[in-house]
Amino acid sequence: MKKFMYALLLVIFLILSGYIFINYYSYIFARKVEGIIVKVEKPTAPVAVVGTGEESSKMAEKQLFSYAVAVKIADGEIVTSSTEDRQWSVAEIGKCVEAKFYPYAPWQFDKSGTYYNARLLKMYECDEFKKDK
């Protein structure tokens, strides 16, 4: 009876671990990026979205607040991401930032190895940062 209980607990633990890993992969493997903004751009031109209902308003909001972000880090790598974080609308090229980049899961084959939903954590003048150190 004890072996059965241990086996049952092990199976429950494995299922729970798998569920957490699959659903929270991007949070578990999020990358903190510190560097200089190279580019922040709205990928789509501003357009009027006509429609009714909650679904069309959500789609319009996604289009209005969608950005493509590129940040150059200390080793010269330029890390890019798409995002719907409204804070990027005030970001300027040449400012230093700390951001969180969330990777797509490897089982999303067409997007694997890229980032989405970049979150702007902190933005500051690069000169001020150098003076403090």
N, C-alpha and C. Protein backbone atom coordinates (compact mmCIF):
# COMPACT_ATOMS: atom_id res chain seq x y z
N MET A 1 0.83 -1.20 0.00
CA MET A 1 0.00 0.00 0.00
C MET A 1 0.87 1.26 0.00
N LYS A 2 2.00 1.22 0.75
CA LYS A 2 2.89 2.39 0.79
C LYS A 2 3.52 2.65 -0.57
N LYS A 3 3.91 1.59 -1.27
CA LYS A 3 4.52 1.75 -2.59
C LYS A 3 3.53 2.38 -3.56
N PHE A 4 2.28 1.97 -3.46
CA PHE A 4 1.24 2.53 -4.31
C PHE A 4 1.08 4.03 -4.04
N MET A 5 1.09 4.42 -2.78
CA MET A 5 0.93 5.84 -2.41
C MET A 5 2.12 6.66 -2.91
N TYR A 6 3.33 6.12 -2.76
CA TYR A 6 4.52 6.82 -3.25
C TYR A 6 4.47 6.97 -4.77
N ALA A 7 4.04 5.91 -5.44
CA ALA A 7 3.94 5.96 -6.90
C ALA A 7 2.88 6.97 -7.33
N LEU A 8 1.76 6.99 -6.63
CA LEU A 8 0.69 7.94 -6.92
C LEU A 8 1.17 9.38 -6.70
N LEU A 9 1.86 9.62 -5.60
CA LEU A 9 2.39 10.96 -5.33
C LEU A 9 3.42 11.37 -6.38
N LEU A 10 4.24 10.43 -6.82
CA LEU A 10 5.23 10.72 -7.85
C LEU A 10 4.55 11.10 -9.17
N VAL A 11 3.51 10.36 -9.53
CA VAL A 11 2.78 10.65 -10.76
C VAL A 11 2.11 12.02 -10.66
N ILE A 12 1.49 12.33 -9.56
CA ILE A 12 0.86 13.64 -9.36
C ILE A 12 1.90 14.75 -9.44
N PHE A 13 3.04 14.54 -8.81
CA PHE A 13 4.12 15.53 -8.86
C PHE A 13 4.61 15.76 -10.28
N LEU A 14 4.79 14.67 -11.05
CA LEU A 14 5.26 14.79 -12.43
C LEU A 14 4.24 15.51 -13.31
N ILE A 15 2.98 15.20 -13.13
CA ILE A 15 1.92 15.87 -13.91
C ILE A 15 1.87 17.35 -13.57
N LEU A 16 1.93 17.67 -12.30
CA LEU A 16 1.91 19.06 -11.86
C LEU A 16 3.14 19.81 -12.36
N SER A 17 4.30 19.19 -12.28
CA SER A 17 5.53 19.82 -12.78
C SER A 17 5.45 20.07 -14.28
N GLY A 18 4.95 19.09 -15.02
CA GLY A 18 4.79 19.25 -16.46
C GLY A 18 3.82 20.36 -16.81
N TYR A 19 2.72 20.45 -16.09
CA TYR A 19 1.73 21.51 -16.30
C TYR A 19 2.36 22.88 -16.07
N ILE A 20 3.08 23.02 -14.97
CA ILE A 20 3.73 24.31 -14.65
C ILE A 20 4.78 24.64 -15.71
N PHE A 21 5.58 23.67 -16.11
CA PHE A 21 6.63 23.90 -17.11
C PHE A 21 6.05 24.34 -18.44
N ILE A 22 4.99 23.67 -18.89
CA ILE A 22 4.39 23.98 -20.19
C ILE A 22 3.69 25.35 -20.16
N ASN A 23 2.92 25.61 -19.11
CA ASN A 23 2.15 26.85 -19.07
C ASN A 23 2.97 28.08 -18.69
N TYR A 24 4.06 27.90 -17.97
CA TYR A 24 4.85 29.05 -17.50
C TYR A 24 6.27 29.03 -18.04
N TYR A 25 6.48 28.39 -19.18
CA TYR A 25 7.81 28.29 -19.77
C TYR A 25 8.45 29.67 -19.97
N SER A 26 7.71 30.60 -20.55
CA SER A 26 8.29 31.91 -20.86
C SER A 26 8.65 32.68 -19.59
N TYR A 27 7.93 32.49 -18.51
CA TYR A 27 8.25 33.17 -17.25
C TYR A 27 9.46 32.52 -16.58
N ILE A 28 9.53 31.22 -16.67
CA ILE A 28 10.65 30.49 -16.06
C ILE A 28 11.96 30.86 -16.73
N PHE A 29 11.95 31.00 -18.07
CA PHE A 29 13.16 31.26 -18.82
C PHE A 29 13.25 32.70 -19.34
N ALA A 30 12.57 33.63 -18.68
CA ALA A 30 12.61 35.04 -19.09
C ALA A 30 14.05 35.55 -19.00
N ARG A 31 14.38 36.46 -19.88
CA ARG A 31 15.73 37.01 -19.96
C ARG A 31 15.71 38.48 -19.57
N LYS A 32 16.52 38.85 -18.59
CA LYS A 32 16.65 40.25 -18.21
C LYS A 32 17.69 40.88 -19.13
N VAL A 33 17.29 41.94 -19.82
CA VAL A 33 18.15 42.60 -20.79
C VAL A 33 18.44 44.02 -20.31
N GLU A 34 19.72 44.37 -20.28
CA GLU A 34 20.14 45.72 -19.92
C GLU A 34 21.00 46.25 -21.05
N GLY A 35 20.61 47.39 -21.61
CA GLY A 35 21.37 47.94 -22.72
C GLY A 35 20.78 49.22 -23.24
N ILE A 36 21.16 49.57 -24.48
CA ILE A 36 20.75 50.80 -25.12
C ILE A 36 19.68 50.49 -26.17
N ILE A 37 18.64 51.30 -26.20
CA ILE A 37 17.59 51.13 -27.20
C ILE A 37 18.15 51.50 -28.57
N VAL A 38 18.07 50.57 -29.49
CA VAL A 38 18.51 50.79 -30.86
C VAL A 38 17.32 51.22 -31.72
N LYS A 39 16.17 50.62 -31.44
CA LYS A 39 14.98 50.93 -32.23
C LYS A 39 13.73 50.55 -31.46
N VAL A 40 12.71 51.39 -31.53
CA VAL A 40 11.37 51.09 -31.05
C VAL A 40 10.44 51.57 -32.14
N GLU A 41 9.65 50.66 -32.66
CA GLU A 41 8.83 51.02 -33.82
C GLU A 41 7.47 50.36 -33.74
N LYS A 42 6.47 51.10 -34.20
CA LYS A 42 5.14 50.52 -34.37
C LYS A 42 5.17 49.76 -35.69
N PRO A 43 4.96 48.45 -35.69
CA PRO A 43 5.03 47.69 -36.92
C PRO A 43 3.90 47.97 -37.91
N THR A 44 2.78 48.47 -37.42
CA THR A 44 1.67 48.77 -38.31
C THR A 44 1.36 50.26 -38.27
N ALA A 45 0.93 50.78 -39.38
CA ALA A 45 0.53 52.18 -39.44
C ALA A 45 -0.79 52.35 -38.68
N PRO A 46 -1.01 53.51 -38.10
CA PRO A 46 -2.27 53.74 -37.40
C PRO A 46 -3.44 53.62 -38.37
N VAL A 47 -4.43 52.85 -37.98
CA VAL A 47 -5.62 52.64 -38.80
C VAL A 47 -6.85 52.71 -37.93
N ALA A 48 -7.97 52.97 -38.55
CA ALA A 48 -9.24 52.95 -37.84
C ALA A 48 -9.77 51.53 -37.86
N VAL A 49 -10.18 51.03 -36.70
CA VAL A 49 -10.74 49.70 -36.62
C VAL A 49 -12.23 49.84 -36.35
N VAL A 50 -13.02 49.33 -37.27
CA VAL A 50 -14.47 49.45 -37.15
C VAL A 50 -15.02 48.08 -36.75
N GLY A 51 -15.85 48.08 -35.74
CA GLY A 51 -16.44 46.83 -35.31
C GLY A 51 -17.21 47.03 -34.02
N THR A 52 -17.91 46.02 -33.63
CA THR A 52 -18.66 46.10 -32.39
C THR A 52 -18.29 44.92 -31.52
N GLY A 53 -18.49 45.10 -30.28
CA GLY A 53 -18.26 44.00 -29.36
C GLY A 53 -16.89 44.03 -28.73
N GLU A 54 -16.74 43.16 -27.77
CA GLU A 54 -15.52 43.10 -26.97
C GLU A 54 -14.33 42.59 -27.78
N GLU A 55 -14.57 41.64 -28.67
CA GLU A 55 -13.48 41.05 -29.45
C GLU A 55 -12.81 42.06 -30.37
N SER A 56 -13.60 42.88 -31.03
CA SER A 56 -13.03 43.88 -31.94
C SER A 56 -12.28 44.95 -31.16
N SER A 57 -12.75 45.31 -29.97
CA SER A 57 -12.04 46.32 -29.18
C SER A 57 -10.71 45.77 -28.65
N LYS A 58 -10.67 44.48 -28.32
CA LYS A 58 -9.41 43.86 -27.90
C LYS A 58 -8.42 43.83 -29.04
N MET A 59 -8.89 43.51 -30.25
CA MET A 59 -8.03 43.47 -31.43
C MET A 59 -7.50 44.87 -31.74
N ALA A 60 -8.36 45.87 -31.63
CA ALA A 60 -7.94 47.25 -31.90
C ALA A 60 -6.89 47.68 -30.89
N GLU A 61 -7.07 47.32 -29.63
CA GLU A 61 -6.11 47.67 -28.59
C GLU A 61 -4.76 47.02 -28.86
N LYS A 62 -4.76 45.76 -29.28
CA LYS A 62 -3.51 45.07 -29.60
C LYS A 62 -2.78 45.76 -30.75
N GLN A 63 -3.52 46.17 -31.76
CA GLN A 63 -2.90 46.84 -32.91
C GLN A 63 -2.38 48.21 -32.54
N LEU A 64 -3.11 48.94 -31.72
CA LEU A 64 -2.70 50.29 -31.35
C LEU A 64 -1.47 50.32 -30.47
N PHE A 65 -1.32 49.33 -29.62
CA PHE A 65 -0.22 49.34 -28.66
C PHE A 65 0.79 48.23 -28.93
N SER A 66 1.01 47.92 -30.17
CA SER A 66 1.98 46.90 -30.56
C SER A 66 3.27 47.58 -30.99
N TYR A 67 4.40 47.07 -30.51
CA TYR A 67 5.70 47.65 -30.82
C TYR A 67 6.71 46.55 -31.14
N ALA A 68 7.69 46.92 -31.95
CA ALA A 68 8.86 46.08 -32.17
C ALA A 68 10.02 46.79 -31.47
N VAL A 69 10.79 46.05 -30.68
CA VAL A 69 11.81 46.63 -29.82
C VAL A 69 13.16 45.97 -30.12
N ALA A 70 14.22 46.78 -30.17
CA ALA A 70 15.58 46.27 -30.33
C ALA A 70 16.47 46.95 -29.30
N VAL A 71 17.16 46.14 -28.48
CA VAL A 71 18.05 46.65 -27.43
C VAL A 71 19.43 46.04 -27.62
N LYS A 72 20.44 46.90 -27.66
CA LYS A 72 21.83 46.44 -27.80
C LYS A 72 22.43 46.29 -26.41
N ILE A 73 22.95 45.08 -26.13
CA ILE A 73 23.53 44.81 -24.81
C ILE A 73 25.05 44.96 -24.88
N ALA A 74 25.71 44.86 -23.73
CA ALA A 74 27.14 45.15 -23.60
C ALA A 74 28.03 44.35 -24.54
N ASP A 75 27.69 43.10 -24.81
CA ASP A 75 28.55 42.28 -25.68
C ASP A 75 28.31 42.52 -27.17
N GLY A 76 27.44 43.47 -27.50
CA GLY A 76 27.19 43.82 -28.89
C GLY A 76 25.97 43.14 -29.51
N GLU A 77 25.41 42.16 -28.83
CA GLU A 77 24.23 41.48 -29.35
C GLU A 77 23.03 42.43 -29.32
N ILE A 78 22.23 42.41 -30.36
CA ILE A 78 21.00 43.19 -30.40
C ILE A 78 19.85 42.23 -30.19
N VAL A 79 19.15 42.39 -29.08
CA VAL A 79 18.05 41.51 -28.71
C VAL A 79 16.75 42.17 -29.16
N THR A 80 15.93 41.44 -29.89
CA THR A 80 14.68 41.99 -30.41
C THR A 80 13.47 41.25 -29.86
N SER A 81 12.36 41.97 -29.84
CA SER A 81 11.13 41.38 -29.34
C SER A 81 9.95 42.17 -29.86
N SER A 82 8.80 41.53 -29.89
CA SER A 82 7.54 42.23 -30.12
C SER A 82 6.93 42.45 -28.75
N THR A 83 6.06 43.43 -28.63
CA THR A 83 5.46 43.70 -27.34
C THR A 83 4.16 44.48 -27.50
N GLU A 84 3.33 44.39 -26.49
CA GLU A 84 2.12 45.20 -26.40
C GLU A 84 2.16 46.05 -25.14
N ASP A 85 3.34 46.20 -24.55
CA ASP A 85 3.51 47.00 -23.35
C ASP A 85 3.50 48.48 -23.73
N ARG A 86 2.53 49.21 -23.23
CA ARG A 86 2.35 50.62 -23.59
C ARG A 86 3.52 51.50 -23.16
N GLN A 87 4.32 51.05 -22.22
CA GLN A 87 5.45 51.86 -21.76
C GLN A 87 6.47 52.10 -22.87
N TRP A 88 6.53 51.21 -23.85
CA TRP A 88 7.49 51.38 -24.94
C TRP A 88 7.14 52.58 -25.82
N SER A 89 5.93 53.12 -25.71
CA SER A 89 5.56 54.27 -26.53
C SER A 89 6.37 55.52 -26.16
N VAL A 90 6.89 55.59 -24.96
CA VAL A 90 7.70 56.74 -24.54
C VAL A 90 9.19 56.48 -24.64
N ALA A 91 9.57 55.27 -25.00
CA ALA A 91 10.98 54.93 -25.10
C ALA A 91 11.61 55.63 -26.30
N GLU A 92 12.85 56.09 -26.12
CA GLU A 92 13.56 56.81 -27.17
C GLU A 92 14.87 56.11 -27.49
N ILE A 93 15.24 56.17 -28.76
CA ILE A 93 16.50 55.58 -29.20
C ILE A 93 17.64 56.27 -28.46
N GLY A 94 18.61 55.49 -27.98
CA GLY A 94 19.77 56.03 -27.27
C GLY A 94 19.63 56.03 -25.76
N LYS A 95 18.43 55.78 -25.23
CA LYS A 95 18.24 55.68 -23.78
C LYS A 95 18.62 54.28 -23.32
N CYS A 96 19.08 54.18 -22.10
CA CYS A 96 19.40 52.87 -21.52
C CYS A 96 18.15 52.29 -20.86
N VAL A 97 18.03 50.98 -20.92
CA VAL A 97 16.85 50.33 -20.35
C VAL A 97 17.22 49.03 -19.65
N GLU A 98 16.36 48.65 -18.75
CA GLU A 98 16.33 47.31 -18.19
C GLU A 98 14.97 46.77 -18.60
N ALA A 99 14.96 45.61 -19.21
CA ALA A 99 13.71 45.03 -19.69
C ALA A 99 13.71 43.53 -19.48
N LYS A 100 12.54 42.96 -19.49
CA LYS A 100 12.37 41.52 -19.37
C LYS A 100 11.84 41.02 -20.70
N PHE A 101 12.56 40.09 -21.32
CA PHE A 101 12.16 39.51 -22.60
C PHE A 101 11.72 38.06 -22.36
N TYR A 102 10.55 37.72 -22.85
CA TYR A 102 9.98 36.40 -22.63
C TYR A 102 10.10 35.56 -23.90
N PRO A 103 10.73 34.37 -23.82
CA PRO A 103 10.92 33.55 -25.02
C PRO A 103 9.68 32.72 -25.36
N TYR A 104 9.52 32.48 -26.65
CA TYR A 104 8.51 31.51 -27.08
C TYR A 104 9.02 30.13 -26.70
N ALA A 105 8.12 29.24 -26.43
CA ALA A 105 8.48 27.87 -26.07
C ALA A 105 9.06 27.14 -27.28
N PRO A 106 9.99 26.21 -27.05
CA PRO A 106 10.61 25.49 -28.17
C PRO A 106 9.65 24.64 -28.97
N TRP A 107 8.51 24.28 -28.42
CA TRP A 107 7.56 23.47 -29.16
C TRP A 107 6.67 24.33 -30.07
N GLN A 108 6.85 25.65 -30.03
CA GLN A 108 6.22 26.53 -31.02
C GLN A 108 7.26 26.74 -32.12
N PHE A 109 7.34 25.77 -33.02
CA PHE A 109 8.43 25.68 -33.98
C PHE A 109 8.63 26.93 -34.82
N ASP A 110 7.57 27.58 -35.24
CA ASP A 110 7.71 28.75 -36.11
C ASP A 110 8.22 29.98 -35.37
N LYS A 111 8.15 29.99 -34.05
CA LYS A 111 8.59 31.16 -33.27
C LYS A 111 9.70 30.82 -32.29
N SER A 112 10.12 29.60 -32.23
CA SER A 112 11.14 29.15 -31.28
C SER A 112 12.43 29.97 -31.42
N GLY A 113 12.99 30.36 -30.30
CA GLY A 113 14.24 31.11 -30.31
C GLY A 113 14.04 32.62 -30.37
N THR A 114 12.79 33.07 -30.44
CA THR A 114 12.52 34.50 -30.47
C THR A 114 11.77 34.93 -29.21
N TYR A 115 11.64 36.22 -29.05
CA TYR A 115 11.01 36.76 -27.83
C TYR A 115 9.72 37.51 -28.16
N TYR A 116 8.87 37.59 -27.16
CA TYR A 116 7.62 38.35 -27.27
C TYR A 116 7.36 39.03 -25.94
N ASN A 117 6.46 40.00 -25.98
CA ASN A 117 5.95 40.61 -24.76
C ASN A 117 7.03 41.25 -23.89
N ALA A 118 7.99 41.93 -24.50
CA ALA A 118 9.06 42.59 -23.74
C ALA A 118 8.45 43.60 -22.77
N ARG A 119 8.86 43.55 -21.53
CA ARG A 119 8.36 44.48 -20.51
C ARG A 119 9.46 45.46 -20.14
N LEU A 120 9.14 46.74 -20.21
CA LEU A 120 10.08 47.79 -19.85
C LEU A 120 10.05 47.95 -18.34
N LEU A 121 11.17 47.65 -17.69
CA LEU A 121 11.26 47.73 -16.23
C LEU A 121 11.79 49.08 -15.77
N LYS A 122 12.79 49.60 -16.51
CA LYS A 122 13.44 50.84 -16.08
C LYS A 122 14.07 51.49 -17.31
N MET A 123 13.94 52.82 -17.41
CA MET A 123 14.56 53.56 -18.50
C MET A 123 15.29 54.75 -17.89
N TYR A 124 16.51 55.02 -18.37
CA TYR A 124 17.30 56.12 -17.82
C TYR A 124 18.29 56.62 -18.85
N GLU A 125 18.83 57.81 -18.58
CA GLU A 125 19.87 58.38 -19.44
C GLU A 125 21.14 57.56 -19.26
N CYS A 126 21.77 57.19 -20.34
CA CYS A 126 22.97 56.36 -20.27
C CYS A 126 24.12 57.09 -19.57
N ASP A 127 24.24 58.40 -19.76
CA ASP A 127 25.31 59.17 -19.13
C ASP A 127 25.21 59.15 -17.62
N GLU A 128 23.97 59.23 -17.09
CA GLU A 128 23.77 59.19 -15.64
C GLU A 128 24.22 57.85 -15.08
N PHE A 129 23.95 56.80 -15.81
CA PHE A 129 24.33 55.46 -15.38
C PHE A 129 25.85 55.34 -15.28
N LYS A 130 26.56 55.88 -16.25
CA LYS A 130 28.04 55.80 -16.27
C LYS A 130 28.65 56.61 -15.14
N LYS A 131 28.03 57.75 -14.80
CA LYS A 131 28.55 58.59 -13.72
C LYS A 131 28.47 57.90 -12.37
N ASP A 132 27.40 57.11 -12.17
CA ASP A 132 27.20 56.43 -10.89
C ASP A 132 28.22 55.34 -10.65
N LYS A 133 28.80 54.80 -11.70
CA LYS A 133 29.70 53.66 -11.54
C LYS A 133 31.11 54.06 -11.47
